[in-house]
Structures are given as C-alpha cells and as structure tokens.
Amino acid sequence: MSLQALFDKAVAESKNLPERPDNMTLLKIYALFKQASTGDVEGKRPGFTDMVGRAKYDAWDGLKGTSKEEAMQQYIDLIAELKG
C-alpha cells in the first residue's frame, strides 16, 4: 500500500477514534494533516482575538521544513497509536 493510501486510511480512521484526544494532540493531528496535504504554512498569523486560529497556525508553523512524506508518516503513526 502506498504512503498516500495509508495516509488517506489514517485520515478516515481519525474520525472514529475510541476516545477524543486532548487539545494538544488534536493540534498535532491538525498540523500534521496540513503539513502533509498542503506543505509549509502560508499567510499571516491570526490576530490575538482568534485564539483557536493562532494555536492551529502555531502548531502548523512548528512543522515548517518537514517534508510532506515525513508528515504523512508521522500522522499515520500518531493515529495508529491513538487507536490503541
């Protein structure tokens, strides 16, 4: 199975985890997904009043320079770990 196929499967499985991950893990899932599907973060950091948007932006920005393939693999590994 290709890395892309494994990633797509992990994305589907992320919607059916046995329990909801904590917020930091959710941010990591989001950031890895964005890095794997889009690449490095673009655009301006959201303003102070958008705390959720800032947290997402910062999490994604923390992965800057990570290849799409590496982000896919980290995402797959994280979802597998959360499935138990």
PDB file of N, CA and C in Angstrom:
ATOM      1  N   MET A   1       0.835  -1.175   0.000  1.00  0.00           N
ATOM      2  CA  MET A   1       0.000   0.000   0.000  1.00  0.00           C
ATOM      3  C   MET A   1       0.891   1.254   0.000  1.00  0.00           C
ATOM      4  N   SER A   2       0.554   2.225  -0.819  1.00  0.00           N
ATOM      5  CA  SER A   2       1.372   3.437  -0.920  1.00  0.00           C
ATOM      6  C   SER A   2       1.230   4.300   0.326  1.00  0.00           C
ATOM      7  N   LEU A   3       2.173   5.189   0.521  1.00  0.00           N
ATOM      8  CA  LEU A   3       2.124   6.108   1.657  1.00  0.00           C
ATOM      9  C   LEU A   3       0.862   6.962   1.594  1.00  0.00           C
ATOM     10  N   GLN A   4       0.508   7.425   0.389  1.00  0.00           N
ATOM     11  CA  GLN A   4      -0.708   8.233   0.230  1.00  0.00           C
ATOM     12  C   GLN A   4      -1.947   7.437   0.620  1.00  0.00           C
ATOM     13  N   ALA A   5      -2.010   6.170   0.230  1.00  0.00           N
ATOM     14  CA  ALA A   5      -3.161   5.330   0.577  1.00  0.00           C
ATOM     15  C   ALA A   5      -3.231   5.093   2.090  1.00  0.00           C
ATOM     16  N   LEU A   6      -2.067   4.872   2.712  1.00  0.00           N
ATOM     17  CA  LEU A   6      -2.033   4.697   4.167  1.00  0.00           C
ATOM     18  C   LEU A   6      -2.453   5.976   4.877  1.00  0.00           C
ATOM     19  N   PHE A   7      -2.024   7.122   4.340  1.00  0.00           N
ATOM     20  CA  PHE A   7      -2.399   8.416   4.902  1.00  0.00           C
ATOM     21  C   PHE A   7      -3.910   8.621   4.793  1.00  0.00           C
ATOM     22  N   ASP A   8      -4.468   8.359   3.621  1.00  0.00           N
ATOM     23  CA  ASP A   8      -5.910   8.513   3.424  1.00  0.00           C
ATOM     24  C   ASP A   8      -6.690   7.612   4.377  1.00  0.00           C
ATOM     25  N   LYS A   9      -6.198   6.401   4.592  1.00  0.00           N
ATOM     26  CA  LYS A   9      -6.842   5.471   5.522  1.00  0.00           C
ATOM     27  C   LYS A   9      -6.776   6.016   6.953  1.00  0.00           C
ATOM     28  N   ALA A  10      -5.616   6.573   7.339  1.00  0.00           N
ATOM     29  CA  ALA A  10      -5.454   7.142   8.682  1.00  0.00           C
ATOM     30  C   ALA A  10      -6.375   8.347   8.877  1.00  0.00           C
ATOM     31  N   VAL A  11      -6.552   9.164   7.824  1.00  0.00           N
ATOM     32  CA  VAL A  11      -7.459  10.313   7.905  1.00  0.00           C
ATOM     33  C   VAL A  11      -8.877   9.816   8.191  1.00  0.00           C
ATOM     34  N   ALA A  12      -9.301   8.776   7.493  1.00  0.00           N
ATOM     35  CA  ALA A  12     -10.641   8.211   7.725  1.00  0.00           C
ATOM     36  C   ALA A  12     -10.743   7.653   9.141  1.00  0.00           C
ATOM     37  N   GLU A  13      -9.696   6.966   9.586  1.00  0.00           N
ATOM     38  CA  GLU A  13      -9.711   6.371  10.929  1.00  0.00           C
ATOM     39  C   GLU A  13      -9.686   7.430  12.028  1.00  0.00           C
ATOM     40  N   SER A  14      -9.121   8.607  11.729  1.00  0.00           N
ATOM     41  CA  SER A  14      -9.041   9.666  12.744  1.00  0.00           C
ATOM     42  C   SER A  14     -10.418  10.157  13.165  1.00  0.00           C
ATOM     43  N   LYS A  15     -11.401   9.934  12.325  1.00  0.00           N
ATOM     44  CA  LYS A  15     -12.768  10.364  12.631  1.00  0.00           C
ATOM     45  C   LYS A  15     -13.499   9.371  13.539  1.00  0.00           C
ATOM     46  N   ASN A  16     -12.908   8.188  13.756  1.00  0.00           N
ATOM     47  CA  ASN A  16     -13.548   7.143  14.544  1.00  0.00           C
ATOM     48  C   ASN A  16     -12.651   6.625  15.660  1.00  0.00           C
ATOM     49  N   LEU A  17     -11.925   7.520  16.311  1.00  0.00           N
ATOM     50  CA  LEU A  17     -11.046   7.094  17.406  1.00  0.00           C
ATOM     51  C   LEU A  17     -11.886   6.668  18.601  1.00  0.00           C
ATOM     52  N   PRO A  18     -11.365   5.736  19.425  1.00  0.00           N
ATOM     53  CA  PRO A  18     -12.143   5.247  20.566  1.00  0.00           C
ATOM     54  C   PRO A  18     -12.474   6.346  21.583  1.00  0.00           C
ATOM     55  N   GLU A  19     -11.605   7.332  21.735  1.00  0.00           N
ATOM     56  CA  GLU A  19     -11.907   8.465  22.603  1.00  0.00           C
ATOM     57  C   GLU A  19     -11.315   9.731  22.012  1.00  0.00           C
ATOM     58  N   ARG A  20     -11.923  10.855  22.374  1.00  0.00           N
ATOM     59  CA  ARG A  20     -11.463  12.142  21.847  1.00  0.00           C
ATOM     60  C   ARG A  20     -10.090  12.482  22.434  1.00  0.00           C
ATOM     61  N   PRO A  21      -9.115  12.782  21.564  1.00  0.00           N
ATOM     62  CA  PRO A  21      -7.787  13.160  22.059  1.00  0.00           C
ATOM     63  C   PRO A  21      -7.833  14.515  22.780  1.00  0.00           C
ATOM     64  N   ASP A  22      -6.819  14.773  23.611  1.00  0.00           N
ATOM     65  CA  ASP A  22      -6.753  16.070  24.278  1.00  0.00           C
ATOM     66  C   ASP A  22      -6.418  17.154  23.239  1.00  0.00           C
ATOM     67  N   ASN A  23      -6.554  18.410  23.648  1.00  0.00           N
ATOM     68  CA  ASN A  23      -6.380  19.523  22.712  1.00  0.00           C
ATOM     69  C   ASN A  23      -4.998  19.577  22.081  1.00  0.00           C
ATOM     70  N   MET A  24      -3.950  19.276  22.846  1.00  0.00           N
ATOM     71  CA  MET A  24      -2.599  19.309  22.281  1.00  0.00           C
ATOM     72  C   MET A  24      -2.442  18.241  21.198  1.00  0.00           C
ATOM     73  N   THR A  25      -3.024  17.069  21.424  1.00  0.00           N
ATOM     74  CA  THR A  25      -2.961  16.002  20.421  1.00  0.00           C
ATOM     75  C   THR A  25      -3.784  16.380  19.194  1.00  0.00           C
ATOM     76  N   LEU A  26      -4.933  17.001  19.418  1.00  0.00           N
ATOM     77  CA  LEU A  26      -5.752  17.448  18.292  1.00  0.00           C
ATOM     78  C   LEU A  26      -4.989  18.473  17.442  1.00  0.00           C
ATOM     79  N   LEU A  27      -4.265  19.368  18.098  1.00  0.00           N
ATOM     80  CA  LEU A  27      -3.456  20.346  17.356  1.00  0.00           C
ATOM     81  C   LEU A  27      -2.367  19.649  16.545  1.00  0.00           C
ATOM     82  N   LYS A  28      -1.768  18.621  17.129  1.00  0.00           N
ATOM     83  CA  LYS A  28      -0.725  17.883  16.418  1.00  0.00           C
ATOM     84  C   LYS A  28      -1.316  17.164  15.203  1.00  0.00           C
ATOM     85  N   ILE A  29      -2.487  16.558  15.374  1.00  0.00           N
ATOM     86  CA  ILE A  29      -3.173  15.893  14.259  1.00  0.00           C
ATOM     87  C   ILE A  29      -3.444  16.911  13.150  1.00  0.00           C
ATOM     88  N   TYR A  30      -3.981  18.067  13.538  1.00  0.00           N
ATOM     89  CA  TYR A  30      -4.284  19.121  12.569  1.00  0.00           C
ATOM     90  C   TYR A  30      -3.022  19.562  11.820  1.00  0.00           C
ATOM     91  N   ALA A  31      -1.974  19.859  12.580  1.00  0.00           N
ATOM     92  CA  ALA A  31      -0.740  20.370  11.982  1.00  0.00           C
ATOM     93  C   ALA A  31      -0.118  19.347  11.030  1.00  0.00           C
ATOM     94  N   LEU A  32      -0.083  18.089  11.448  1.00  0.00           N
ATOM     95  CA  LEU A  32       0.483  17.050  10.577  1.00  0.00           C
ATOM     96  C   LEU A  32      -0.345  16.886   9.306  1.00  0.00           C
ATOM     97  N   PHE A  33      -1.672  16.940   9.450  1.00  0.00           N
ATOM     98  CA  PHE A  33      -2.548  16.833   8.285  1.00  0.00           C
ATOM     99  C   PHE A  33      -2.278  17.973   7.307  1.00  0.00           C
ATOM    100  N   LYS A  34      -2.223  19.206   7.828  1.00  0.00           N
ATOM    101  CA  LYS A  34      -1.997  20.363   6.973  1.00  0.00           C
ATOM    102  C   LYS A  34      -0.621  20.309   6.304  1.00  0.00           C
ATOM    103  N   GLN A  35       0.398  19.916   7.063  1.00  0.00           N
ATOM    104  CA  GLN A  35       1.754  19.833   6.506  1.00  0.00           C
ATOM    105  C   GLN A  35       1.806  18.761   5.419  1.00  0.00           C
ATOM    106  N   ALA A  36       1.147  17.627   5.663  1.00  0.00           N
ATOM    107  CA  ALA A  36       1.149  16.526   4.704  1.00  0.00           C
ATOM    108  C   ALA A  36       0.350  16.865   3.446  1.00  0.00           C
ATOM    109  N   SER A  37      -0.737  17.594   3.594  1.00  0.00           N
ATOM    110  CA  SER A  37      -1.595  17.850   2.446  1.00  0.00           C
ATOM    111  C   SER A  37      -1.287  19.164   1.730  1.00  0.00           C
ATOM    112  N   THR A  38      -0.720  20.153   2.450  1.00  0.00           N
ATOM    113  CA  THR A  38      -0.510  21.476   1.864  1.00  0.00           C
ATOM    114  C   THR A  38       0.952  21.876   1.809  1.00  0.00           C
ATOM    115  N   GLY A  39       1.745  21.434   2.769  1.00  0.00           N
ATOM    116  CA  GLY A  39       3.142  21.862   2.854  1.00  0.00           C
ATOM    117  C   GLY A  39       3.282  22.933   3.928  1.00  0.00           C
ATOM    118  N   ASP A  40       4.339  23.716   3.840  1.00  0.00           N
ATOM    119  CA  ASP A  40       4.606  24.732   4.854  1.00  0.00           C
ATOM    120  C   ASP A  40       3.468  25.749   4.957  1.00  0.00           C
ATOM    121  N   VAL A  41       3.277  26.237   6.179  1.00  0.00           N
ATOM    122  CA  VAL A  41       2.225  27.210   6.458  1.00  0.00           C
ATOM    123  C   VAL A  41       2.428  28.470   5.618  1.00  0.00           C
ATOM    124  N   GLU A  42       1.318  29.054   5.212  1.00  0.00           N
ATOM    125  CA  GLU A  42       1.346  30.284   4.424  1.00  0.00           C
ATOM    126  C   GLU A  42       0.391  31.287   5.047  1.00  0.00           C
ATOM    127  N   GLY A  43       0.536  32.523   4.686  1.00  0.00           N
ATOM    128  CA  GLY A  43      -0.379  33.539   5.154  1.00  0.00           C
ATOM    129  C   GLY A  43       0.049  34.128   6.486  1.00  0.00           C
ATOM    130  N   LYS A  44      -0.754  35.082   6.940  1.00  0.00           N
ATOM    131  CA  LYS A  44      -0.457  35.770   8.187  1.00  0.00           C
ATOM    132  C   LYS A  44      -0.998  34.997   9.376  1.00  0.00           C
ATOM    133  N   ARG A  45      -0.313  35.146  10.495  1.00  0.00           N
ATOM    134  CA  ARG A  45      -0.770  34.542  11.745  1.00  0.00           C
ATOM    135  C   ARG A  45      -2.049  35.261  12.180  1.00  0.00           C
ATOM    136  N   PRO A  46      -3.098  34.507  12.579  1.00  0.00           N
ATOM    137  CA  PRO A  46      -4.347  35.140  13.018  1.00  0.00           C
ATOM    138  C   PRO A  46      -4.115  36.093  14.192  1.00  0.00           C
ATOM    139  N   GLY A  47      -4.995  37.063  14.300  1.00  0.00           N
ATOM    140  CA  GLY A  47      -4.884  38.066  15.353  1.00  0.00           C
ATOM    141  C   GLY A  47      -5.130  37.511  16.743  1.00  0.00           C
ATOM    142  N   PHE A  48      -4.868  38.347  17.726  1.00  0.00           N
ATOM    143  CA  PHE A  48      -4.966  37.969  19.133  1.00  0.00           C
ATOM    144  C   PHE A  48      -6.361  37.482  19.524  1.00  0.00           C
ATOM    145  N   THR A  49      -7.397  38.006  18.888  1.00  0.00           N
ATOM    146  CA  THR A  49      -8.767  37.632  19.250  1.00  0.00           C
ATOM    147  C   THR A  49      -9.153  36.242  18.749  1.00  0.00           C
ATOM    148  N   ASP A  50      -8.408  35.701  17.793  1.00  0.00           N
ATOM    149  CA  ASP A  50      -8.684  34.360  17.257  1.00  0.00           C
ATOM    150  C   ASP A  50      -7.695  33.366  17.877  1.00  0.00           C
ATOM    151  N   MET A  51      -7.958  32.996  19.137  1.00  0.00           N
ATOM    152  CA  MET A  51      -7.001  32.143  19.853  1.00  0.00           C
ATOM    153  C   MET A  51      -6.904  30.740  19.256  1.00  0.00           C
ATOM    154  N   VAL A  52      -8.026  30.194  18.807  1.00  0.00           N
ATOM    155  CA  VAL A  52      -8.004  28.855  18.201  1.00  0.00           C
ATOM    156  C   VAL A  52      -7.226  28.898  16.891  1.00  0.00           C
ATOM    157  N   GLY A  53      -7.495  29.899  16.078  1.00  0.00           N
ATOM    158  CA  GLY A  53      -6.780  30.052  14.817  1.00  0.00           C
ATOM    159  C   GLY A  53      -5.286  30.226  15.032  1.00  0.00           C
ATOM    160  N   ARG A  54      -4.906  31.000  16.058  1.00  0.00           N
ATOM    161  CA  ARG A  54      -3.490  31.198  16.377  1.00  0.00           C
ATOM    162  C   ARG A  54      -2.843  29.889  16.800  1.00  0.00           C
ATOM    163  N   ALA A  55      -3.536  29.128  17.637  1.00  0.00           N
ATOM    164  CA  ALA A  55      -2.987  27.845  18.102  1.00  0.00           C
ATOM    165  C   ALA A  55      -2.777  26.902  16.923  1.00  0.00           C
ATOM    166  N   LYS A  56      -3.743  26.837  16.015  1.00  0.00           N
ATOM    167  CA  LYS A  56      -3.615  25.982  14.834  1.00  0.00           C
ATOM    168  C   LYS A  56      -2.452  26.448  13.956  1.00  0.00           C
ATOM    169  N   TYR A  57      -2.384  27.753  13.729  1.00  0.00           N
ATOM    170  CA  TYR A  57      -1.313  28.310  12.910  1.00  0.00           C
ATOM    171  C   TYR A  57       0.049  27.991  13.521  1.00  0.00           C
ATOM    172  N   ASP A  58       0.178  28.212  14.827  1.00  0.00           N
ATOM    173  CA  ASP A  58       1.461  27.975  15.507  1.00  0.00           C
ATOM    174  C   ASP A  58       1.859  26.504  15.463  1.00  0.00           C
ATOM    175  N   ALA A  59       0.879  25.612  15.634  1.00  0.00           N
ATOM    176  CA  ALA A  59       1.169  24.176  15.582  1.00  0.00           C
ATOM    177  C   ALA A  59       1.664  23.795  14.187  1.00  0.00           C
ATOM    178  N   TRP A  60       0.993  24.302  13.164  1.00  0.00           N
ATOM    179  CA  TRP A  60       1.375  24.006  11.786  1.00  0.00           C
ATOM    180  C   TRP A  60       2.730  24.636  11.473  1.00  0.00           C
ATOM    181  N   ASP A  61       2.936  25.882  11.922  1.00  0.00           N
ATOM    182  CA  ASP A  61       4.196  26.580  11.682  1.00  0.00           C
ATOM    183  C   ASP A  61       5.374  25.831  12.324  1.00  0.00           C
ATOM    184  N   GLY A  62       5.110  25.130  13.411  1.00  0.00           N
ATOM    185  CA  GLY A  62       6.158  24.367  14.084  1.00  0.00           C
ATOM    186  C   GLY A  62       6.697  23.215  13.254  1.00  0.00           C
ATOM    187  N   LEU A  63       5.973  22.848  12.217  1.00  0.00           N
ATOM    188  CA  LEU A  63       6.404  21.746  11.335  1.00  0.00           C
ATOM    189  C   LEU A  63       7.083  22.246  10.064  1.00  0.00           C
ATOM    190  N   LYS A  64       7.305  23.554   9.976  1.00  0.00           N
ATOM    191  CA  LYS A  64       7.903  24.141   8.771  1.00  0.00           C
ATOM    192  C   LYS A  64       9.201  23.396   8.425  1.00  0.00           C
ATOM    193  N   GLY A  65       9.341  23.035   7.159  1.00  0.00           N
ATOM    194  CA  GLY A  65      10.530  22.332   6.705  1.00  0.00           C
ATOM    195  C   GLY A  65      10.387  20.819   6.700  1.00  0.00           C
ATOM    196  N   THR A  66       9.334  20.303   7.346  1.00  0.00           N
ATOM    197  CA  THR A  66       9.072  18.861   7.345  1.00  0.00           C
ATOM    198  C   THR A  66       8.508  18.483   5.973  1.00  0.00           C
ATOM    199  N   SER A  67       9.039  17.444   5.363  1.00  0.00           N
ATOM    200  CA  SER A  67       8.546  17.035   4.043  1.00  0.00           C
ATOM    201  C   SER A  67       7.116  16.499   4.179  1.00  0.00           C
ATOM    202  N   LYS A  68       6.389  16.567   3.063  1.00  0.00           N
ATOM    203  CA  LYS A  68       5.019  16.039   3.060  1.00  0.00           C
ATOM    204  C   LYS A  68       5.016  14.558   3.420  1.00  0.00           C
ATOM    205  N   GLU A  69       6.011  13.820   2.898  1.00  0.00           N
ATOM    206  CA  GLU A  69       6.082  12.377   3.164  1.00  0.00           C
ATOM    207  C   GLU A  69       6.333  12.101   4.640  1.00  0.00           C
ATOM    208  N   GLU A  70       7.225  12.858   5.256  1.00  0.00           N
ATOM    209  CA  GLU A  70       7.514  12.680   6.685  1.00  0.00           C
ATOM    210  C   GLU A  70       6.292  13.036   7.519  1.00  0.00           C
ATOM    211  N   ALA A  71       5.586  14.099   7.143  1.00  0.00           N
ATOM    212  CA  ALA A  71       4.374  14.489   7.871  1.00  0.00           C
ATOM    213  C   ALA A  71       3.299  13.409   7.742  1.00  0.00           C
ATOM    214  N   MET A  72       3.185  12.826   6.545  1.00  0.00           N
ATOM    215  CA  MET A  72       2.218  11.734   6.346  1.00  0.00           C
ATOM    216  C   MET A  72       2.544  10.565   7.272  1.00  0.00           C
ATOM    217  N   GLN A  73       3.819  10.184   7.315  1.00  0.00           N
ATOM    218  CA  GLN A  73       4.225   9.050   8.142  1.00  0.00           C
ATOM    219  C   GLN A  73       3.971   9.336   9.619  1.00  0.00           C
ATOM    220  N   GLN A  74       4.289  10.537  10.077  1.00  0.00           N
ATOM    221  CA  GLN A  74       4.049  10.900  11.476  1.00  0.00           C
ATOM    222  C   GLN A  74       2.551  10.877  11.789  1.00  0.00           C
ATOM    223  N   TYR A  75       1.736  11.346  10.838  1.00  0.00           N
ATOM    224  CA  TYR A  75       0.281  11.331  11.013  1.00  0.00           C
ATOM    225  C   TYR A  75      -0.223   9.889  11.137  1.00  0.00           C
ATOM    226  N   ILE A  76       0.224   9.039  10.218  1.00  0.00           N
ATOM    227  CA  ILE A  76      -0.173   7.614  10.232  1.00  0.00           C
ATOM    228  C   ILE A  76       0.207   6.988  11.563  1.00  0.00           C
ATOM    229  N   ASP A  77       1.433   7.232  12.027  1.00  0.00           N
ATOM    230  CA  ASP A  77       1.912   6.657  13.297  1.00  0.00           C
ATOM    231  C   ASP A  77       1.092   7.168  14.477  1.00  0.00           C
ATOM    232  N   LEU A  78       0.784   8.456  14.491  1.00  0.00           N
ATOM    233  CA  LEU A  78       0.020   9.044  15.601  1.00  0.00           C
ATOM    234  C   LEU A  78      -1.386   8.455  15.657  1.00  0.00           C
ATOM    235  N   ILE A  79      -2.055   8.343  14.531  1.00  0.00           N
ATOM    236  CA  ILE A  79      -3.419   7.788  14.506  1.00  0.00           C
ATOM    237  C   ILE A  79      -3.390   6.320  14.940  1.00  0.00           C
ATOM    238  N   ALA A  80      -2.395   5.569  14.489  1.00  0.00           N
ATOM    239  CA  ALA A  80      -2.266   4.167  14.900  1.00  0.00           C
ATOM    240  C   ALA A  80      -2.085   4.065  16.404  1.00  0.00           C
ATOM    241  N   GLU A  81      -1.286   4.962  16.976  1.00  0.00           N
ATOM    242  CA  GLU A  81      -1.050   4.975  18.422  1.00  0.00           C
ATOM    243  C   GLU A  81      -2.348   5.319  19.180  1.00  0.00           C
ATOM    244  N   LEU A  82      -3.128   6.265  18.655  1.00  0.00           N
ATOM    245  CA  LEU A  82      -4.367   6.670  19.309  1.00  0.00           C
ATOM    246  C   LEU A  82      -5.459   5.604  19.210  1.00  0.00           C
ATOM    247  N   LYS A  83      -5.396   4.790  18.146  1.00  0.00           N
ATOM    248  CA  LYS A  83      -6.375   3.703  18.004  1.00  0.00           C
ATOM    249  C   LYS A  83      -6.151   2.617  19.065  1.00  0.00           C
ATOM    250  N   GLY A  84      -4.914   2.541  19.556  1.00  0.00           N
ATOM    251  CA  GLY A  84      -4.612   1.579  20.613  1.00  0.00           C
ATOM    252  C   GLY A  84      -4.139   0.295  20.156  1.00  0.00           C
TER     253      GLY A  84
END
